[in-house]
Every structure is written in structure tokens, then in C-alpha cells.
């Protein structure tokens, strides 16, 4: 009877211990939520669009209010994950309204567990920076710039995963 009681007690202590670990993991997960987004004007963003190292950069211009942008975000997240060991970096440049960063952008990023780096472009000189990024860009989003030190392509379109991956592969080869 004593052995049985000790076994039941040990089992109970083990269950409590496991529950504590689950609670610790949940708390840890909640504390890794995004609480701020760095804001850039075009002159501050420009160096991120012109690096010449051995990486491939995918810069996606998007906003939370743009349905096609939101639809394609998971594809950029998957590329980030699938090609991280191939020196591919993803930067998501939000064109959301600066006053709505805390109300819309950050909650959106947390809800969708965005892992890519996100920055906010806040620059009223659209006529200047849109043409500086690409001469043919009308300013419509979603838009994506993929570049390396040897190649640079701009896309004013939405992507499905397969098409995005195909473009990334052209930079890897």
C-alpha cells in the first residue's frame, strides 16, 4: 500500500512539474511578441536596398490594408525559412500609416507570427523614392525588389509561392 501511495504521489508531482514547464513555455512565447517597428525615411532605408555582399535580398513593399499583400506574406515567410541557410534575407517594408503602427501593424505581425524583419517606410516624398527604387514602379503594392551584388529585379505584382521561389532560384544559380 505504501509503495502504491508513493507511486501515485510521484506521478502527481511529475504531472504538476510538466504543467509548470508548459506554463513557462507559454509565458516565454508571449514575451517574444513584437512591440515596436523601426521607422525609416527613404534615405535611411536606401542602404538596405543597395547592399553588395554575398546575400540575396528580398524586399517586399506591403501594407496591412492591402489584401493581395496580406495574401502573399506567408510565401515570403516560407522563403525566409526555406532559404535561410542559402544566404537569403527577407525584409518586409510596411507602407502602413505611421499613426496606425501600434493599433494595426504590430498586432497584425503578432497575430500572423511574422518572423521576417519588418520596417515602416514613412516618407512623404513618394514621387522621389518610388522612382528611386524603380523607374517603372507606379507606386502600387504589393511590389518586390530582389537583388544581389550581381543582379537586381523589380516586380510590381503579387506572388504565389512557386513563382516567388522560381525567382529566388534564378538568383541562387
C-alpha atoms as a PDB file:
ATOM      1  CA  UNK A   1       0.000   0.000   0.000  1.00  0.00           C
ATOM      2  CA  UNK A   2       2.857   2.410   0.841  1.00  0.00           C
ATOM      3  CA  UNK A   3       4.614   1.644  -2.474  1.00  0.00           C
ATOM      4  CA  UNK A   4       1.353   2.305  -4.320  1.00  0.00           C
ATOM      5  CA  UNK A   5       0.892   5.626  -2.488  1.00  0.00           C
ATOM      6  CA  UNK A   6       4.472   6.671  -3.256  1.00  0.00           C
ATOM      7  CA  UNK A   7       3.978   5.807  -6.946  1.00  0.00           C
ATOM      8  CA  UNK A   8       0.744   7.833  -7.079  1.00  0.00           C
ATOM      9  CA  UNK A   9       2.479  10.739  -5.295  1.00  0.00           C
ATOM     10  CA  UNK A  10       5.444  10.658  -7.707  1.00  0.00           C
ATOM     11  CA  UNK A  11       3.095  10.532 -10.684  1.00  0.00           C
ATOM     12  CA  UNK A  12       1.152  13.520  -9.307  1.00  0.00           C
ATOM     13  CA  UNK A  13       4.389  15.509  -8.713  1.00  0.00           C
ATOM     14  CA  UNK A  14       5.510  14.676 -12.266  1.00  0.00           C
ATOM     15  CA  UNK A  15       2.247  15.943 -13.740  1.00  0.00           C
ATOM     16  CA  UNK A  16       2.485  19.189 -11.726  1.00  0.00           C
ATOM     17  CA  UNK A  17       6.096  19.604 -12.844  1.00  0.00           C
ATOM     18  CA  UNK A  18       5.107  19.130 -16.512  1.00  0.00           C
ATOM     19  CA  UNK A  19       2.305  21.669 -16.158  1.00  0.00           C
ATOM     20  CA  UNK A  20       4.796  24.207 -14.746  1.00  0.00           C
ATOM     21  CA  UNK A  21       7.031  23.706 -17.806  1.00  0.00           C
ATOM     22  CA  UNK A  22       4.085  24.239 -20.175  1.00  0.00           C
ATOM     23  CA  UNK A  23       3.190  27.459 -18.338  1.00  0.00           C
ATOM     24  CA  UNK A  24       6.838  28.628 -18.535  1.00  0.00           C
ATOM     25  CA  UNK A  25       6.898  27.944 -22.309  1.00  0.00           C
ATOM     26  CA  UNK A  26       3.607  29.803 -22.805  1.00  0.00           C
ATOM     27  CA  UNK A  27       4.928  32.812 -20.883  1.00  0.00           C
ATOM     28  CA  UNK A  28       8.182  32.712 -22.853  1.00  0.00           C
ATOM     29  CA  UNK A  29       6.245  32.565 -26.146  1.00  0.00           C
ATOM     30  CA  UNK A  30       4.085  35.526 -25.146  1.00  0.00           C
ATOM     31  CA  UNK A  31       7.098  37.648 -24.185  1.00  0.00           C
ATOM     32  CA  UNK A  32       8.646  37.243 -27.636  1.00  0.00           C
ATOM     33  CA  UNK A  33       5.839  39.221 -29.205  1.00  0.00           C
ATOM     34  CA  UNK A  34       6.836  42.238 -31.278  1.00  0.00           C
ATOM     35  CA  UNK A  35       6.327  45.527 -29.502  1.00  0.00           C
ATOM     36  CA  UNK A  36       7.908  48.027 -31.877  1.00  0.00           C
ATOM     37  CA  UNK A  37       8.792  48.572 -35.514  1.00  0.00           C
ATOM     38  CA  UNK A  38      11.645  50.763 -36.640  1.00  0.00           C
ATOM     39  CA  UNK A  39      10.615  53.664 -38.854  1.00  0.00           C
ATOM     40  CA  UNK A  40      12.768  54.813 -41.763  1.00  0.00           C
ATOM     41  CA  UNK A  41      12.607  57.638 -44.240  1.00  0.00           C
ATOM     42  CA  UNK A  42      13.840  56.789 -47.735  1.00  0.00           C
ATOM     43  CA  UNK A  43      17.422  57.985 -47.120  1.00  0.00           C
ATOM     44  CA  UNK A  44      17.630  55.676 -44.091  1.00  0.00           C
ATOM     45  CA  UNK A  45      16.083  52.754 -45.995  1.00  0.00           C
ATOM     46  CA  UNK A  46      18.239  53.189 -49.103  1.00  0.00           C
ATOM     47  CA  UNK A  47      21.343  51.382 -47.709  1.00  0.00           C
ATOM     48  CA  UNK A  48      19.157  48.304 -47.108  1.00  0.00           C
ATOM     49  CA  UNK A  49      18.267  48.334 -50.809  1.00  0.00           C
ATOM     50  CA  UNK A  50      21.846  48.520 -52.063  1.00  0.00           C
ATOM     51  CA  UNK A  51      23.993  46.042 -50.136  1.00  0.00           C
ATOM     52  CA  UNK A  52      26.720  44.322 -52.114  1.00  0.00           C
ATOM     53  CA  UNK A  53      27.693  41.304 -50.087  1.00  0.00           C
ATOM     54  CA  UNK A  54      27.152  37.608 -50.827  1.00  0.00           C
ATOM     55  CA  UNK A  55      23.492  37.558 -49.836  1.00  0.00           C
ATOM     56  CA  UNK A  56      20.282  37.698 -51.819  1.00  0.00           C
ATOM     57  CA  UNK A  57      17.838  40.279 -50.529  1.00  0.00           C
ATOM     58  CA  UNK A  58      14.093  40.124 -50.993  1.00  0.00           C
ATOM     59  CA  UNK A  59      12.445  43.444 -50.178  1.00  0.00           C
ATOM     60  CA  UNK A  60       8.654  43.341 -50.182  1.00  0.00           C
ATOM     61  CA  UNK A  61       6.646  46.567 -50.064  1.00  0.00           C
ATOM     62  CA  UNK A  62       3.268  45.917 -48.476  1.00  0.00           C
ATOM     63  CA  UNK A  63       0.612  47.166 -46.036  1.00  0.00           C
ATOM     64  CA  UNK A  64      -1.891  45.549 -43.694  1.00  0.00           C
ATOM     65  CA  UNK A  65      -4.766  47.235 -45.586  1.00  0.00           C
ATOM     66  CA  UNK A  66      -3.669  45.677 -48.913  1.00  0.00           C
ATOM     67  CA  UNK A  67      -5.462  42.328 -49.390  1.00  0.00           C
ATOM     68  CA  UNK A  68      -3.078  40.972 -52.094  1.00  0.00           C
ATOM     69  CA  UNK A  69      -0.126  41.950 -49.874  1.00  0.00           C
ATOM     70  CA  UNK A  70      -1.541  40.090 -46.888  1.00  0.00           C
ATOM     71  CA  UNK A  71      -2.313  37.051 -49.060  1.00  0.00           C
ATOM     72  CA  UNK A  72       1.300  36.725 -50.250  1.00  0.00           C
ATOM     73  CA  UNK A  73       3.040  37.372 -46.898  1.00  0.00           C
ATOM     74  CA  UNK A  74       3.105  33.679 -45.936  1.00  0.00           C
ATOM     75  CA  UNK A  75       5.079  32.973 -49.129  1.00  0.00           C
ATOM     76  CA  UNK A  76       7.776  35.453 -48.117  1.00  0.00           C
ATOM     77  CA  UNK A  77       7.851  33.913 -44.641  1.00  0.00           C
ATOM     78  CA  UNK A  78       8.240  30.437 -46.170  1.00  0.00           C
ATOM     79  CA  UNK A  79      11.070  31.641 -48.442  1.00  0.00           C
ATOM     80  CA  UNK A  80      12.798  33.140 -45.399  1.00  0.00           C
ATOM     81  CA  UNK A  81      12.530  29.812 -43.628  1.00  0.00           C
ATOM     82  CA  UNK A  82      13.350  27.549 -46.595  1.00  0.00           C
ATOM     83  CA  UNK A  83      16.345  29.545 -47.830  1.00  0.00           C
ATOM     84  CA  UNK A  84      17.837  30.958 -44.619  1.00  0.00           C
ATOM     85  CA  UNK A  85      20.852  28.661 -44.974  1.00  0.00           C
ATOM     86  CA  UNK A  86      21.377  29.865 -48.581  1.00  0.00           C
ATOM     87  CA  UNK A  87      22.115  33.486 -47.576  1.00  0.00           C
ATOM     88  CA  UNK A  88      18.649  34.742 -48.492  1.00  0.00           C
ATOM     89  CA  UNK A  89      17.211  37.561 -46.376  1.00  0.00           C
ATOM     90  CA  UNK A  90      13.673  38.913 -46.413  1.00  0.00           C
ATOM     91  CA  UNK A  91      12.792  42.463 -45.446  1.00  0.00           C
ATOM     92  CA  UNK A  92       9.144  43.498 -45.280  1.00  0.00           C
ATOM     93  CA  UNK A  93       8.772  47.244 -45.804  1.00  0.00           C
ATOM     94  CA  UNK A  94       5.411  48.322 -44.476  1.00  0.00           C
ATOM     95  CA  UNK A  95       3.684  51.280 -46.068  1.00  0.00           C
ATOM     96  CA  UNK A  96       1.064  51.400 -43.336  1.00  0.00           C
ATOM     97  CA  UNK A  97       0.073  54.754 -41.902  1.00  0.00           C
ATOM     98  CA  UNK A  98       2.536  55.775 -39.148  1.00  0.00           C
ATOM     99  CA  UNK A  99      -0.294  56.613 -36.735  1.00  0.00           C
ATOM    100  CA  UNK A 100      -1.581  53.031 -37.017  1.00  0.00           C
ATOM    101  CA  UNK A 101       1.635  51.164 -36.222  1.00  0.00           C
ATOM    102  CA  UNK A 102       0.581  50.317 -32.661  1.00  0.00           C
ATOM    103  CA  UNK A 103      -3.091  49.740 -33.472  1.00  0.00           C
ATOM    104  CA  UNK A 104      -2.787  47.767 -36.723  1.00  0.00           C
ATOM    105  CA  UNK A 105       0.744  46.836 -37.825  1.00  0.00           C
ATOM    106  CA  UNK A 106       2.194  45.417 -34.609  1.00  0.00           C
ATOM    107  CA  UNK A 107      -0.966  43.447 -33.704  1.00  0.00           C
ATOM    108  CA  UNK A 108      -1.036  42.103 -37.297  1.00  0.00           C
ATOM    109  CA  UNK A 109       2.604  40.989 -37.042  1.00  0.00           C
ATOM    110  CA  UNK A 110       1.973  39.259 -33.719  1.00  0.00           C
ATOM    111  CA  UNK A 111      -1.253  37.603 -34.868  1.00  0.00           C
ATOM    112  CA  UNK A 112       0.426  36.221 -38.008  1.00  0.00           C
ATOM    113  CA  UNK A 113       3.705  35.441 -36.202  1.00  0.00           C
ATOM    114  CA  UNK A 114       5.793  37.356 -38.749  1.00  0.00           C
ATOM    115  CA  UNK A 115       9.429  36.272 -38.427  1.00  0.00           C
ATOM    116  CA  UNK A 116      10.956  38.396 -41.178  1.00  0.00           C
ATOM    117  CA  UNK A 117      12.341  41.786 -40.313  1.00  0.00           C
ATOM    118  CA  UNK A 118       9.648  44.459 -40.717  1.00  0.00           C
ATOM    119  CA  UNK A 119      10.313  48.170 -41.023  1.00  0.00           C
ATOM    120  CA  UNK A 120       7.975  51.069 -41.671  1.00  0.00           C
ATOM    121  CA  UNK A 121       8.696  53.459 -44.526  1.00  0.00           C
ATOM    122  CA  UNK A 122       7.471  56.896 -43.544  1.00  0.00           C
ATOM    123  CA  UNK A 123       8.480  59.397 -46.190  1.00  0.00           C
ATOM    124  CA  UNK A 124       6.109  61.926 -47.741  1.00  0.00           C
ATOM    125  CA  UNK A 125       8.240  62.325 -50.888  1.00  0.00           C
ATOM    126  CA  UNK A 126       6.668  59.366 -52.711  1.00  0.00           C
ATOM    127  CA  UNK A 127       7.455  60.815 -56.123  1.00  0.00           C
ATOM    128  CA  UNK A 128      11.139  60.720 -55.254  1.00  0.00           C
ATOM    129  CA  UNK A 129      11.547  57.364 -53.506  1.00  0.00           C
ATOM    130  CA  UNK A 130       9.177  55.354 -55.717  1.00  0.00           C
ATOM    131  CA  UNK A 131      11.184  56.263 -58.844  1.00  0.00           C
ATOM    132  CA  UNK A 132      14.462  55.812 -56.959  1.00  0.00           C
ATOM    133  CA  UNK A 133      13.520  52.239 -56.077  1.00  0.00           C
ATOM    134  CA  UNK A 134      12.484  51.503 -59.656  1.00  0.00           C
ATOM    135  CA  UNK A 135      11.873  53.844 -62.604  1.00  0.00           C
ATOM    136  CA  UNK A 136       8.882  51.847 -63.829  1.00  0.00           C
ATOM    137  CA  UNK A 137       7.161  51.476 -60.436  1.00  0.00           C
ATOM    138  CA  UNK A 138       3.746  53.137 -60.394  1.00  0.00           C
ATOM    139  CA  UNK A 139       3.701  53.012 -56.593  1.00  0.00           C
ATOM    140  CA  UNK A 140       1.119  50.218 -56.447  1.00  0.00           C
ATOM    141  CA  UNK A 141       1.595  47.449 -53.898  1.00  0.00           C
ATOM    142  CA  UNK A 142       2.425  44.692 -53.457  1.00  0.00           C
ATOM    143  CA  UNK A 143       5.807  45.266 -55.028  1.00  0.00           C
ATOM    144  CA  UNK A 144       9.019  43.342 -54.543  1.00  0.00           C
ATOM    145  CA  UNK A 145      12.680  44.019 -55.150  1.00  0.00           C
ATOM    146  CA  UNK A 146      15.032  41.045 -55.297  1.00  0.00           C
ATOM    147  CA  UNK A 147      18.704  41.786 -55.582  1.00  0.00           C
ATOM    148  CA  UNK A 148      22.230  40.531 -55.080  1.00  0.00           C
ATOM    149  CA  UNK A 149      25.536  42.171 -55.888  1.00  0.00           C
ATOM    150  CA  UNK A 150      25.279  40.782 -59.444  1.00  0.00           C
ATOM    151  CA  UNK A 151      21.588  41.072 -60.244  1.00  0.00           C
ATOM    152  CA  UNK A 152      18.554  43.244 -59.488  1.00  0.00           C
ATOM    153  CA  UNK A 153      14.907  42.708 -60.463  1.00  0.00           C
ATOM    154  CA  UNK A 154      11.762  44.586 -59.543  1.00  0.00           C
ATOM    155  CA  UNK A 155       8.244  43.116 -59.584  1.00  0.00           C
ATOM    156  CA  UNK A 156       5.042  45.148 -59.370  1.00  0.00           C
ATOM    157  CA  UNK A 157       2.815  42.139 -58.767  1.00  0.00           C
ATOM    158  CA  UNK A 158       1.522  39.593 -56.293  1.00  0.00           C
ATOM    159  CA  UNK A 159       3.341  36.305 -55.876  1.00  0.00           C
ATOM    160  CA  UNK A 160       2.303  32.727 -55.312  1.00  0.00           C
ATOM    161  CA  UNK A 161       4.940  30.670 -53.525  1.00  0.00           C
ATOM    162  CA  UNK A 162       6.090  28.729 -56.608  1.00  0.00           C
ATOM    163  CA  UNK A 163       6.619  31.886 -58.685  1.00  0.00           C
ATOM    164  CA  UNK A 164       8.492  33.606 -55.853  1.00  0.00           C
ATOM    165  CA  UNK A 165      10.680  30.569 -55.299  1.00  0.00           C
ATOM    166  CA  UNK A 166      11.411  30.369 -59.044  1.00  0.00           C
ATOM    167  CA  UNK A 167      12.644  33.981 -58.998  1.00  0.00           C
ATOM    168  CA  UNK A 168      14.780  33.364 -55.905  1.00  0.00           C
ATOM    169  CA  UNK A 169      16.308  30.313 -57.590  1.00  0.00           C
ATOM    170  CA  UNK A 170      17.389  32.434 -60.580  1.00  0.00           C
ATOM    171  CA  UNK A 171      19.455  34.491 -58.127  1.00  0.00           C
ATOM    172  CA  UNK A 172      20.928  31.397 -56.491  1.00  0.00           C
ATOM    173  CA  UNK A 173      22.123  29.933 -59.798  1.00  0.00           C
END
